[in-house]
Amino acid sequence: MKKFMLLIMLSILLLSCSPKNTKFVSIGTGGVTGVYYPTGGAISRMINKKFDEYNIKATVESTGGSVFNINAVLSGDLDFGIAQSDRQYQAYNGLAEWTQAGNQPDLRSVFSIHPEAITLIASENSEINTLEDLKNKRINLGNPGSGQLQNSVDIINSSGLTENDILAEYVKAIEAPGLLQDERIDAFFYTVGHPNGNIKEATSGRIKVRIIPIEGPRIDKLLEKDPYYAKVLIPVEFYPKALNTEDIETIGVKATFITSKNVDDNIVYAITKEVFENFDEFKTLHPAYKVLTKQNMLQGLTAPVHNGALKYYEEVDLLKYVDKELIVE
């Protein structure tokens, strides 16, 4: 009996100590069908495999996207998140949704991931062939709290239109292909890495669709004004059932892995190290990652880099690829 009681007391002691020693971290992603969610899952698995070394337990949450993730990271509700580079820039500099709140100096970059193309998909019956054709059409711009909503508005405005010139919808990207095939909308925007399952769904239904180029002099002016945008090419081979016959020109941003300066340096260091030490495995996660190099994962960042990540980059001679303006105390 004494031995049995001793075992019980020992078990209770271990259970009571374990949560104190274990560091729990959460990663905010996006919809489960997008690229963000499996990316967060892969990162969490990498760090959880090394639990004996780091004592870190990572979990992944499906969220509303960039804006939600940034705000949750800043409030401490999430430790890490994935967000578009333009939204990162706007938050750090107190623009767009953060105009009233002002600059968000606690926001930190860890690394960038894949390029995300602003993609416009329209039904054949809509007779939309250019951005100017969007006037008076039913267009889904994206859900509030997503990065793509601001991208959509930027494209609409740069083409000489406003939200009042279209019949705007604001639903999640996962719902848009069904709405398009049901002829309840004429087109939808989606900022995403390619190839993408939702866009494959949209191009494979009864209603024939095409991907509309986002290009021209007005778009060139947008590129000059907003440095986080860059030209992107969508390979037509990704969507063989679309009406397009050649690669589609558009513009895009980068997905970035973010955190707060208040997150422990050791945790950020460990996650950064595991991603870069397992780089080849990470690249196989999604076709959009084929273009990744360790060097370009340090480009497209628009908020200061966290000290924990900088420590790792310095150790492996990658610090030279980090913009010096993003190295702060």
C-alpha atoms as a PDB file:
ATOM      1  CA  MET A   1       0.000   0.000   0.000  1.00  0.00           C
ATOM      2  CA  LYS A   2       2.815   2.408   0.887  1.00  0.00           C
ATOM      3  CA  LYS A   3       4.486   1.673  -2.456  1.00  0.00           C
ATOM      4  CA  PHE A   4       1.207   2.274  -4.286  1.00  0.00           C
ATOM      5  CA  MET A   5       0.648   5.603  -2.500  1.00  0.00           C
ATOM      6  CA  LEU A   6       4.211   6.610  -3.281  1.00  0.00           C
ATOM      7  CA  LEU A   7       3.612   5.967  -6.990  1.00  0.00           C
ATOM      8  CA  ILE A   8       0.430   8.059  -6.902  1.00  0.00           C
ATOM      9  CA  MET A   9       2.188  10.940  -5.185  1.00  0.00           C
ATOM     10  CA  LEU A  10       5.049  10.745  -7.682  1.00  0.00           C
ATOM     11  CA  SER A  11       2.590  10.836 -10.616  1.00  0.00           C
ATOM     12  CA  ILE A  12       0.812  13.853  -9.168  1.00  0.00           C
ATOM     13  CA  LEU A  13       4.144  15.604  -8.678  1.00  0.00           C
ATOM     14  CA  LEU A  14       5.195  14.926 -12.291  1.00  0.00           C
ATOM     15  CA  LEU A  15       1.861  16.126 -13.656  1.00  0.00           C
ATOM     16  CA  SER A  16       1.969  19.295 -11.593  1.00  0.00           C
ATOM     17  CA  CYS A  17       5.524  20.081 -12.743  1.00  0.00           C
ATOM     18  CA  SER A  18       5.122  19.242 -16.430  1.00  0.00           C
ATOM     19  CA  PRO A  19       2.910  22.189 -17.479  1.00  0.00           C
ATOM     20  CA  LYS A  20       5.309  24.599 -15.791  1.00  0.00           C
ATOM     21  CA  ASN A  21       8.264  23.242 -17.756  1.00  0.00           C
ATOM     22  CA  THR A  22       6.502  22.861 -21.084  1.00  0.00           C
ATOM     23  CA  LYS A  23       6.230  25.973 -23.232  1.00  0.00           C
ATOM     24  CA  PHE A  24       2.971  26.015 -25.155  1.00  0.00           C
ATOM     25  CA  VAL A  25       2.892  28.079 -28.345  1.00  0.00           C
ATOM     26  CA  SER A  26       0.075  28.684 -30.809  1.00  0.00           C
ATOM     27  CA  ILE A  27       0.304  29.378 -34.537  1.00  0.00           C
ATOM     28  CA  GLY A  28      -2.483  31.231 -36.360  1.00  0.00           C
ATOM     29  CA  THR A  29      -2.948  30.267 -40.003  1.00  0.00           C
ATOM     30  CA  GLY A  30      -5.972  30.667 -42.297  1.00  0.00           C
ATOM     31  CA  GLY A  31      -8.677  28.530 -43.875  1.00  0.00           C
ATOM     32  CA  VAL A  32      -8.074  24.768 -43.855  1.00  0.00           C
ATOM     33  CA  THR A  33      -8.036  24.592 -47.685  1.00  0.00           C
ATOM     34  CA  GLY A  34      -5.393  27.296 -48.155  1.00  0.00           C
ATOM     35  CA  VAL A  35      -1.612  27.140 -47.930  1.00  0.00           C
ATOM     36  CA  TYR A  36      -1.356  28.815 -44.506  1.00  0.00           C
ATOM     37  CA  TYR A  37      -2.942  25.942 -42.567  1.00  0.00           C
ATOM     38  CA  PRO A  38      -0.663  23.119 -43.776  1.00  0.00           C
ATOM     39  CA  THR A  39       2.312  25.459 -43.412  1.00  0.00           C
ATOM     40  CA  GLY A  40       1.482  26.053 -39.762  1.00  0.00           C
ATOM     41  CA  GLY A  41       0.930  22.324 -39.333  1.00  0.00           C
ATOM     42  CA  ALA A  42       4.330  21.489 -40.799  1.00  0.00           C
ATOM     43  CA  ILE A  43       6.101  24.007 -38.561  1.00  0.00           C
ATOM     44  CA  SER A  44       4.326  22.692 -35.472  1.00  0.00           C
ATOM     45  CA  ARG A  45       5.237  19.094 -36.318  1.00  0.00           C
ATOM     46  CA  MET A  46       8.894  20.038 -36.766  1.00  0.00           C
ATOM     47  CA  ILE A  47       9.117  21.650 -33.349  1.00  0.00           C
ATOM     48  CA  ASN A  48       6.996  18.997 -31.618  1.00  0.00           C
ATOM     49  CA  LYS A  49       9.333  16.257 -32.877  1.00  0.00           C
ATOM     50  CA  LYS A  50      12.091  17.945 -30.877  1.00  0.00           C
ATOM     51  CA  PHE A  51      10.072  18.195 -27.663  1.00  0.00           C
ATOM     52  CA  ASP A  52      12.791  16.448 -25.670  1.00  0.00           C
ATOM     53  CA  GLU A  53      15.268  19.105 -26.806  1.00  0.00           C
ATOM     54  CA  TYR A  54      13.184  22.283 -26.649  1.00  0.00           C
ATOM     55  CA  ASN A  55      10.292  21.366 -24.328  1.00  0.00           C
ATOM     56  CA  ILE A  56       7.969  23.268 -26.692  1.00  0.00           C
ATOM     57  CA  LYS A  57       4.477  22.087 -27.617  1.00  0.00           C
ATOM     58  CA  ALA A  58       3.048  23.877 -30.672  1.00  0.00           C
ATOM     59  CA  THR A  59      -0.582  23.907 -31.769  1.00  0.00           C
ATOM     60  CA  VAL A  60      -2.180  25.258 -34.941  1.00  0.00           C
ATOM     61  CA  GLU A  61      -5.360  27.296 -35.246  1.00  0.00           C
ATOM     62  CA  SER A  62      -7.442  27.929 -38.371  1.00  0.00           C
ATOM     63  CA  THR A  63      -8.239  31.660 -38.409  1.00  0.00           C
ATOM     64  CA  GLY A  64      -9.700  34.429 -40.559  1.00  0.00           C
ATOM     65  CA  GLY A  65      -6.292  35.271 -42.018  1.00  0.00           C
ATOM     66  CA  SER A  66      -3.666  37.993 -41.942  1.00  0.00           C
ATOM     67  CA  VAL A  67      -5.382  40.815 -40.062  1.00  0.00           C
ATOM     68  CA  PHE A  68      -6.738  38.466 -37.410  1.00  0.00           C
ATOM     69  CA  ASN A  69      -3.348  36.805 -36.968  1.00  0.00           C
ATOM     70  CA  ILE A  70      -1.482  40.094 -36.643  1.00  0.00           C
ATOM     71  CA  ASN A  71      -3.920  41.452 -34.049  1.00  0.00           C
ATOM     72  CA  ALA A  72      -3.929  38.172 -32.127  1.00  0.00           C
ATOM     73  CA  VAL A  73      -0.126  38.049 -32.063  1.00  0.00           C
ATOM     74  CA  LEU A  74       0.044  41.650 -30.850  1.00  0.00           C
ATOM     75  CA  SER A  75      -2.522  40.998 -28.108  1.00  0.00           C
ATOM     76  CA  GLY A  76      -0.782  37.808 -27.001  1.00  0.00           C
ATOM     77  CA  ASP A  77      -3.681  35.532 -27.970  1.00  0.00           C
ATOM     78  CA  LEU A  78      -1.365  33.868 -30.504  1.00  0.00           C
ATOM     79  CA  ASP A  79       2.394  33.451 -30.304  1.00  0.00           C
ATOM     80  CA  PHE A  80       2.943  33.188 -34.060  1.00  0.00           C
ATOM     81  CA  GLY A  81       0.928  33.748 -37.195  1.00  0.00           C
ATOM     82  CA  ILE A  82       1.129  33.778 -40.962  1.00  0.00           C
ATOM     83  CA  ALA A  83       0.324  37.071 -42.657  1.00  0.00           C
ATOM     84  CA  GLN A  84       0.783  38.782 -45.981  1.00  0.00           C
ATOM     85  CA  SER A  85       3.786  41.097 -46.209  1.00  0.00           C
ATOM     86  CA  ASP A  86       1.583  44.081 -47.110  1.00  0.00           C
ATOM     87  CA  ARG A  87      -0.546  43.625 -43.988  1.00  0.00           C
ATOM     88  CA  GLN A  88       2.614  43.282 -41.920  1.00  0.00           C
ATOM     89  CA  TYR A  89       3.848  46.576 -43.383  1.00  0.00           C
ATOM     90  CA  GLN A  90       0.539  48.336 -42.741  1.00  0.00           C
ATOM     91  CA  ALA A  91       0.319  47.164 -39.131  1.00  0.00           C
ATOM     92  CA  TYR A  92       3.882  48.113 -38.254  1.00  0.00           C
ATOM     93  CA  ASN A  93       3.423  51.560 -39.825  1.00  0.00           C
ATOM     94  CA  GLY A  94      -0.096  52.223 -38.514  1.00  0.00           C
ATOM     95  CA  LEU A  95      -1.890  52.142 -41.882  1.00  0.00           C
ATOM     96  CA  ALA A  96      -5.172  50.659 -43.191  1.00  0.00           C
ATOM     97  CA  GLU A  97      -6.965  48.867 -40.283  1.00  0.00           C
ATOM     98  CA  TRP A  98      -4.338  50.189 -37.882  1.00  0.00           C
ATOM     99  CA  THR A  99      -4.756  53.885 -38.740  1.00  0.00           C
ATOM    100  CA  GLN A 100      -6.601  54.702 -35.505  1.00  0.00           C
ATOM    101  CA  ALA A 101      -4.482  52.430 -33.309  1.00  0.00           C
ATOM    102  CA  GLY A 102      -1.269  53.790 -34.814  1.00  0.00           C
ATOM    103  CA  ASN A 103       2.089  52.098 -35.338  1.00  0.00           C
ATOM    104  CA  GLN A 104       2.470  48.580 -33.953  1.00  0.00           C
ATOM    105  CA  PRO A 105       6.158  48.575 -32.918  1.00  0.00           C
ATOM    106  CA  ASP A 106       5.966  45.183 -31.177  1.00  0.00           C
ATOM    107  CA  LEU A 107       5.314  43.320 -34.435  1.00  0.00           C
ATOM    108  CA  ARG A 108       8.219  41.143 -35.573  1.00  0.00           C
ATOM    109  CA  SER A 109       9.119  39.113 -38.659  1.00  0.00           C
ATOM    110  CA  VAL A 110      10.625  35.629 -38.451  1.00  0.00           C
ATOM    111  CA  PHE A 111      10.926  34.647 -42.135  1.00  0.00           C
ATOM    112  CA  SER A 112       8.962  34.880 -45.358  1.00  0.00           C
ATOM    113  CA  ILE A 113       7.478  31.947 -47.191  1.00  0.00           C
ATOM    114  CA  HIS A 114       5.881  31.686 -50.624  1.00  0.00           C
ATOM    115  CA  PRO A 115       4.784  34.396 -53.083  1.00  0.00           C
ATOM    116  CA  GLU A 116       1.034  35.004 -53.095  1.00  0.00           C
ATOM    117  CA  ALA A 117      -0.565  36.156 -56.328  1.00  0.00           C
ATOM    118  CA  ILE A 118      -3.628  38.391 -56.396  1.00  0.00           C
ATOM    119  CA  THR A 119      -5.852  36.212 -58.542  1.00  0.00           C
ATOM    120  CA  LEU A 120      -9.071  37.275 -60.261  1.00  0.00           C
ATOM    121  CA  ILE A 121     -11.332  34.469 -61.509  1.00  0.00           C
ATOM    122  CA  ALA A 122     -14.368  35.336 -63.666  1.00  0.00           C
ATOM    123  CA  SER A 123     -17.109  33.293 -65.320  1.00  0.00           C
ATOM    124  CA  GLU A 124     -17.226  33.210 -69.112  1.00  0.00           C
ATOM    125  CA  ASN A 125     -20.810  34.500 -69.071  1.00  0.00           C
ATOM    126  CA  SER A 126     -19.793  37.599 -67.097  1.00  0.00           C
ATOM    127  CA  GLU A 127     -17.890  38.928 -70.120  1.00  0.00           C
ATOM    128  CA  ILE A 128     -15.147  40.132 -67.800  1.00  0.00           C
ATOM    129  CA  ASN A 129     -11.844  40.225 -69.681  1.00  0.00           C
ATOM    130  CA  THR A 130     -10.122  43.227 -68.099  1.00  0.00           C
ATOM    131  CA  LEU A 131     -10.225  45.051 -64.776  1.00  0.00           C
ATOM    132  CA  GLU A 132     -12.364  47.795 -66.304  1.00  0.00           C
ATOM    133  CA  ASP A 133     -15.060  45.200 -67.036  1.00  0.00           C
ATOM    134  CA  LEU A 134     -15.691  44.744 -63.308  1.00  0.00           C
ATOM    135  CA  LYS A 135     -18.017  47.756 -63.190  1.00  0.00           C
ATOM    136  CA  ASN A 136     -21.572  46.842 -62.100  1.00  0.00           C
ATOM    137  CA  LYS A 137     -20.603  43.168 -61.738  1.00  0.00           C
ATOM    138  CA  ARG A 138     -21.046  40.933 -58.678  1.00  0.00           C
ATOM    139  CA  ILE A 139     -17.539  40.540 -57.255  1.00  0.00           C
ATOM    140  CA  ASN A 140     -16.376  38.810 -54.096  1.00  0.00           C
ATOM    141  CA  LEU A 141     -13.561  40.855 -52.550  1.00  0.00           C
ATOM    142  CA  GLY A 142     -12.835  38.634 -49.528  1.00  0.00           C
ATOM    143  CA  ASN A 143     -13.904  38.376 -45.913  1.00  0.00           C
ATOM    144  CA  PRO A 144     -13.176  41.080 -43.343  1.00  0.00           C
ATOM    145  CA  GLY A 145      -9.995  40.221 -41.475  1.00  0.00           C
ATOM    146  CA  SER A 146      -8.339  38.680 -44.518  1.00  0.00           C
ATOM    147  CA  GLY A 147      -5.340  40.125 -46.326  1.00  0.00           C
ATOM    148  CA  GLN A 148      -6.962  39.620 -49.698  1.00  0.00           C
ATOM    149  CA  LEU A 149      -9.749  42.125 -48.990  1.00  0.00           C
ATOM    150  CA  GLN A 150      -7.324  45.055 -48.980  1.00  0.00           C
ATOM    151  CA  ASN A 151      -5.567  43.639 -52.056  1.00  0.00           C
ATOM    152  CA  SER A 152      -8.896  43.472 -53.879  1.00  0.00           C
ATOM    153  CA  VAL A 153      -9.744  47.032 -52.936  1.00  0.00           C
ATOM    154  CA  ASP A 154      -6.281  48.209 -54.056  1.00  0.00           C
ATOM    155  CA  ILE A 155      -6.789  46.582 -57.457  1.00  0.00           C
ATOM    156  CA  ILE A 156     -10.320  47.966 -57.821  1.00  0.00           C
ATOM    157  CA  ASN A 157      -9.159  51.491 -56.931  1.00  0.00           C
ATOM    158  CA  SER A 158      -6.073  51.338 -59.144  1.00  0.00           C
ATOM    159  CA  SER A 159      -8.249  50.397 -62.125  1.00  0.00           C
ATOM    160  CA  GLY A 160     -10.235  53.621 -61.781  1.00  0.00           C
ATOM    161  CA  LEU A 161     -13.201  52.105 -59.932  1.00  0.00           C
ATOM    162  CA  THR A 162     -14.402  52.103 -56.322  1.00  0.00           C
ATOM    163  CA  GLU A 163     -16.296  49.556 -54.248  1.00  0.00           C
ATOM    164  CA  ASN A 164     -19.451  51.520 -55.044  1.00  0.00           C
ATOM    165  CA  ASP A 165     -18.947  50.821 -58.750  1.00  0.00           C
ATOM    166  CA  ILE A 166     -19.333  47.070 -58.248  1.00  0.00           C
ATOM    167  CA  LEU A 167     -21.787  44.809 -56.445  1.00  0.00           C
ATOM    168  CA  ALA A 168     -19.385  43.723 -53.751  1.00  0.00           C
ATOM    169  CA  GLU A 169     -19.573  40.536 -51.696  1.00  0.00           C
ATOM    170  CA  TYR A 170     -17.407  39.869 -48.650  1.00  0.00           C
ATOM    171  CA  VAL A 171     -17.344  36.099 -48.104  1.00  0.00           C
ATOM    172  CA  LYS A 172     -14.452  33.733 -47.425  1.00  0.00           C
ATOM    173  CA  ALA A 173     -12.442  32.444 -50.361  1.00  0.00           C
ATOM    174  CA  ILE A 174     -13.562  28.864 -49.671  1.00  0.00           C
ATOM    175  CA  GLU A 175     -17.166  29.862 -50.450  1.00  0.00           C
ATOM    176  CA  ALA A 176     -16.425  31.768 -53.667  1.00  0.00           C
ATOM    177  CA  PRO A 177     -16.016  28.861 -56.165  1.00  0.00           C
ATOM    178  CA  GLY A 178     -19.461  27.533 -55.260  1.00  0.00           C
ATOM    179  CA  LEU A 179     -21.018  30.973 -55.607  1.00  0.00           C
ATOM    180  CA  LEU A 180     -19.374  31.376 -59.013  1.00  0.00           C
ATOM    181  CA  GLN A 181     -20.577  27.992 -60.234  1.00  0.00           C
ATOM    182  CA  ASP A 182     -24.080  28.742 -58.917  1.00  0.00           C
ATOM    183  CA  GLU A 183     -23.975  32.029 -60.902  1.00  0.00           C
ATOM    184  CA  ARG A 184     -24.543  34.057 -57.759  1.00  0.00           C
ATOM    185  CA  ILE A 185     -21.380  36.072 -58.394  1.00  0.00           C
ATOM    186  CA  ASP A 186     -19.568  36.987 -61.607  1.00  0.00           C
ATOM    187  CA  ALA A 187     -16.009  36.888 -60.298  1.00  0.00           C
ATOM    188  CA  PHE A 188     -13.899  36.678 -57.162  1.00  0.00           C
ATOM    189  CA  PHE A 189     -10.468  37.783 -55.959  1.00  0.00           C
ATOM    190  CA  TYR A 190      -8.177  35.443 -54.060  1.00  0.00           C
ATOM    191  CA  THR A 191      -4.644  36.239 -52.872  1.00  0.00           C
ATOM    192  CA  VAL A 192      -2.969  32.865 -52.674  1.00  0.00           C
ATOM    193  CA  GLY A 193      -0.020  30.657 -53.579  1.00  0.00           C
ATOM    194  CA  HIS A 194      -0.423  28.504 -56.678  1.00  0.00           C
ATOM    195  CA  PRO A 195      -1.599  25.922 -57.496  1.00  0.00           C
ATOM    196  CA  ASN A 196      -4.611  26.226 -55.209  1.00  0.00           C
ATOM    197  CA  GLY A 197      -7.460  23.799 -54.564  1.00  0.00           C
ATOM    198  CA  ASN A 198     -10.190  26.442 -54.424  1.00  0.00           C
ATOM    199  CA  ILE A 199      -9.201  27.825 -57.821  1.00  0.00           C
ATOM    200  CA  LYS A 200      -8.985  24.321 -59.265  1.00  0.00           C
ATOM    201  CA  GLU A 201     -12.540  23.801 -58.001  1.00  0.00           C
ATOM    202  CA  ALA A 202     -13.679  27.046 -59.618  1.00  0.00           C
ATOM    203  CA  THR A 203     -12.155  26.126 -62.985  1.00  0.00           C
ATOM    204  CA  SER A 204     -13.509  22.565 -63.039  1.00  0.00           C
ATOM    205  CA  GLY A 205     -17.260  23.105 -62.832  1.00  0.00           C
ATOM    206  CA  ARG A 206     -20.153  23.486 -65.251  1.00  0.00           C
ATOM    207  CA  ILE A 207     -19.565  27.223 -65.644  1.00  0.00           C
ATOM    208  CA  LYS A 208     -16.442  27.936 -67.681  1.00  0.00           C
ATOM    209  CA  VAL A 209     -14.078  30.481 -66.140  1.00  0.00           C
ATOM    210  CA  ARG A 210     -10.934  32.405 -66.942  1.00  0.00           C
ATOM    211  CA  ILE A 211      -8.253  34.008 -64.817  1.00  0.00           C
ATOM    212  CA  ILE A 212      -8.096  37.728 -65.583  1.00  0.00           C
ATOM    213  CA  PRO A 213      -4.683  39.414 -65.993  1.00  0.00           C
ATOM    214  CA  ILE A 214      -3.921  42.177 -63.508  1.00  0.00           C
ATOM    215  CA  GLU A 215      -1.592  44.403 -65.483  1.00  0.00           C
ATOM    216  CA  GLY A 216      -1.273  47.707 -67.321  1.00  0.00           C
ATOM    217  CA  PRO A 217      -0.116  51.291 -66.697  1.00  0.00           C
ATOM    218  CA  ARG A 218      -2.401  51.803 -63.705  1.00  0.00           C
ATOM    219  CA  ILE A 219      -1.105  48.649 -62.038  1.00  0.00           C
ATOM    220  CA  ASP A 220       2.457  49.836 -62.725  1.00  0.00           C
ATOM    221  CA  LYS A 221       1.638  52.993 -60.766  1.00  0.00           C
ATOM    222  CA  LEU A 222       0.388  50.862 -57.885  1.00  0.00           C
ATOM    223  CA  LEU A 223       3.697  48.968 -57.903  1.00  0.00           C
ATOM    224  CA  GLU A 224       5.567  52.263 -57.662  1.00  0.00           C
ATOM    225  CA  LYS A 225       3.391  53.487 -54.792  1.00  0.00           C
ATOM    226  CA  ASP A 226       3.331  50.346 -52.653  1.00  0.00           C
ATOM    227  CA  PRO A 227       6.759  48.640 -52.410  1.00  0.00           C
ATOM    228  CA  TYR A 228       5.380  45.392 -50.964  1.00  0.00           C
ATOM    229  CA  TYR A 229       3.696  44.516 -54.290  1.00  0.00           C
ATOM    230  CA  ALA A 230       5.647  42.825 -57.089  1.00  0.00           C
ATOM    231  CA  LYS A 231       4.849  41.260 -60.466  1.00  0.00           C
ATOM    232  CA  VAL A 232       3.933  37.555 -60.411  1.00  0.00           C
ATOM    233  CA  LEU A 233       3.237  35.041 -63.172  1.00  0.00           C
ATOM    234  CA  ILE A 234       0.622  32.291 -62.723  1.00  0.00           C
ATOM    235  CA  PRO A 235       1.520  29.245 -64.863  1.00  0.00           C
ATOM    236  CA  VAL A 236      -1.431  28.264 -67.047  1.00  0.00           C
ATOM    237  CA  GLU A 237      -0.447  24.593 -66.610  1.00  0.00           C
ATOM    238  CA  PHE A 238      -1.699  24.749 -63.033  1.00  0.00           C
ATOM    239  CA  TYR A 239      -5.296  25.194 -64.234  1.00  0.00           C
ATOM    240  CA  PRO A 240      -5.780  23.216 -67.469  1.00  0.00           C
ATOM    241  CA  LYS A 241      -9.588  23.508 -67.324  1.00  0.00           C
ATOM    242  CA  ALA A 242      -9.561  27.314 -67.281  1.00  0.00           C
ATOM    243  CA  LEU A 243     -10.172  29.165 -70.537  1.00  0.00           C
ATOM    244  CA  ASN A 244      -6.704  30.728 -70.448  1.00  0.00           C
ATOM    245  CA  THR A 245      -4.194  29.608 -73.073  1.00  0.00           C
ATOM    246  CA  GLU A 246      -1.063  31.341 -71.715  1.00  0.00           C
ATOM    247  CA  ASP A 247       0.496  32.241 -68.380  1.00  0.00           C
ATOM    248  CA  ILE A 248      -1.362  34.983 -66.519  1.00  0.00           C
ATOM    249  CA  GLU A 249       0.361  38.198 -65.455  1.00  0.00           C
ATOM    250  CA  THR A 250      -0.599  39.635 -62.091  1.00  0.00           C
ATOM    251  CA  ILE A 251       0.946  41.127 -58.960  1.00  0.00           C
ATOM    252  CA  GLY A 252       1.332  39.740 -55.470  1.00  0.00           C
ATOM    253  CA  VAL A 253       2.833  39.829 -52.014  1.00  0.00           C
ATOM    254  CA  LYS A 254       4.642  37.321 -49.808  1.00  0.00           C
ATOM    255  CA  ALA A 255       3.345  35.170 -46.990  1.00  0.00           C
ATOM    256  CA  THR A 256       5.372  35.856 -43.850  1.00  0.00           C
ATOM    257  CA  PHE A 257       5.755  34.114 -40.498  1.00  0.00           C
ATOM    258  CA  ILE A 258       5.284  36.695 -37.741  1.00  0.00           C
ATOM    259  CA  THR A 259       5.472  37.030 -33.982  1.00  0.00           C
ATOM    260  CA  SER A 260       5.744  39.671 -31.257  1.00  0.00           C
ATOM    261  CA  LYS A 261       8.949  41.027 -29.757  1.00  0.00           C
ATOM    262  CA  ASN A 262       7.538  39.824 -26.414  1.00  0.00           C
ATOM    263  CA  VAL A 263       7.807  36.150 -27.407  1.00  0.00           C
ATOM    264  CA  ASP A 264      10.818  34.454 -25.804  1.00  0.00           C
ATOM    265  CA  ASP A 265      13.999  34.571 -27.919  1.00  0.00           C
ATOM    266  CA  ASN A 266      14.673  30.884 -27.298  1.00  0.00           C
ATOM    267  CA  ILE A 267      11.287  29.840 -28.677  1.00  0.00           C
ATOM    268  CA  VAL A 268      11.695  31.930 -31.827  1.00  0.00           C
ATOM    269  CA  TYR A 269      15.254  30.635 -32.241  1.00  0.00           C
ATOM    270  CA  ALA A 270      14.117  27.006 -31.942  1.00  0.00           C
ATOM    271  CA  ILE A 271      11.321  27.335 -34.505  1.00  0.00           C
ATOM    272  CA  THR A 272      13.543  29.237 -36.941  1.00  0.00           C
ATOM    273  CA  LYS A 273      16.281  26.638 -36.602  1.00  0.00           C
ATOM    274  CA  GLU A 274      13.939  23.694 -37.186  1.00  0.00           C
ATOM    275  CA  VAL A 275      12.436  25.215 -40.344  1.00  0.00           C
ATOM    276  CA  PHE A 276      15.823  26.051 -41.857  1.00  0.00           C
ATOM    277  CA  GLU A 277      17.513  22.830 -40.718  1.00  0.00           C
ATOM    278  CA  ASN A 278      14.640  20.884 -42.350  1.00  0.00           C
ATOM    279  CA  PHE A 279      14.533  23.130 -45.402  1.00  0.00           C
ATOM    280  CA  ASP A 280      14.361  20.382 -48.040  1.00  0.00           C
ATOM    281  CA  GLU A 281      11.470  18.724 -46.236  1.00  0.00           C
ATOM    282  CA  PHE A 282       9.714  22.089 -45.854  1.00  0.00           C
ATOM    283  CA  LYS A 283       9.949  22.754 -49.606  1.00  0.00           C
ATOM    284  CA  THR A 284       8.010  19.571 -50.395  1.00  0.00           C
ATOM    285  CA  LEU A 285       4.988  20.801 -48.459  1.00  0.00           C
ATOM    286  CA  HIS A 286       3.363  22.574 -51.414  1.00  0.00           C
ATOM    287  CA  PRO A 287       4.143  23.170 -55.120  1.00  0.00           C
ATOM    288  CA  ALA A 288       4.221  26.916 -54.393  1.00  0.00           C
ATOM    289  CA  TYR A 289       7.352  26.273 -52.298  1.00  0.00           C
ATOM    290  CA  LYS A 290       9.463  25.023 -55.206  1.00  0.00           C
ATOM    291  CA  VAL A 291      10.821  28.545 -55.693  1.00  0.00           C
ATOM    292  CA  LEU A 292      11.987  28.842 -52.086  1.00  0.00           C
ATOM    293  CA  THR A 293      15.622  29.363 -51.175  1.00  0.00           C
ATOM    294  CA  LYS A 294      17.018  30.159 -47.753  1.00  0.00           C
ATOM    295  CA  GLN A 295      18.037  33.519 -49.142  1.00  0.00           C
ATOM    296  CA  ASN A 296      14.622  34.534 -50.489  1.00  0.00           C
ATOM    297  CA  MET A 297      12.980  33.457 -47.227  1.00  0.00           C
ATOM    298  CA  LEU A 298      14.703  36.492 -45.733  1.00  0.00           C
ATOM    299  CA  GLN A 299      13.345  38.840 -48.410  1.00  0.00           C
ATOM    300  CA  GLY A 300       9.955  40.531 -48.578  1.00  0.00           C
ATOM    301  CA  LEU A 301       9.894  41.172 -44.818  1.00  0.00           C
ATOM    302  CA  THR A 302       8.317  44.474 -43.802  1.00  0.00           C
ATOM    303  CA  ALA A 303       8.678  44.527 -40.000  1.00  0.00           C
ATOM    304  CA  PRO A 304      11.844  44.151 -37.876  1.00  0.00           C
ATOM    305  CA  VAL A 305      13.208  40.624 -37.529  1.00  0.00           C
ATOM    306  CA  HIS A 306      12.863  39.035 -34.091  1.00  0.00           C
ATOM    307  CA  ASN A 307      16.104  38.762 -32.113  1.00  0.00           C
ATOM    308  CA  GLY A 308      15.664  35.016 -31.684  1.00  0.00           C
ATOM    309  CA  ALA A 309      15.584  34.549 -35.457  1.00  0.00           C
ATOM    310  CA  LEU A 310      18.533  36.918 -35.927  1.00  0.00           C
ATOM    311  CA  LYS A 311      20.576  34.789 -33.547  1.00  0.00           C
ATOM    312  CA  TYR A 312      20.111  31.748 -35.773  1.00  0.00           C
ATOM    313  CA  TYR A 313      20.744  33.652 -39.017  1.00  0.00           C
ATOM    314  CA  GLU A 314      24.011  34.977 -37.604  1.00  0.00           C
ATOM    315  CA  GLU A 315      25.132  31.467 -36.607  1.00  0.00           C
ATOM    316  CA  VAL A 316      24.626  30.076 -40.125  1.00  0.00           C
ATOM    317  CA  ASP A 317      25.870  33.115 -42.095  1.00  0.00           C
ATOM    318  CA  LEU A 318      22.416  34.137 -43.354  1.00  0.00           C
ATOM    319  CA  LEU A 319      22.342  37.492 -41.579  1.00  0.00           C
ATOM    320  CA  LYS A 320      23.853  39.166 -44.658  1.00  0.00           C
ATOM    321  CA  TYR A 321      20.565  38.547 -46.506  1.00  0.00           C
ATOM    322  CA  VAL A 322      18.471  40.421 -43.930  1.00  0.00           C
ATOM    323  CA  ASP A 323      17.670  44.046 -44.703  1.00  0.00           C
ATOM    324  CA  LYS A 324      19.784  46.083 -42.265  1.00  0.00           C
ATOM    325  CA  GLU A 325      16.838  48.397 -41.601  1.00  0.00           C
ATOM    326  CA  LEU A 326      14.971  45.434 -40.129  1.00  0.00           C
ATOM    327  CA  ILE A 327      17.639  44.739 -37.502  1.00  0.00           C
ATOM    328  CA  VAL A 328      16.657  46.660 -34.366  1.00  0.00           C
ATOM    329  CA  GLU A 329      17.244  46.318 -30.635  1.00  0.00           C
END
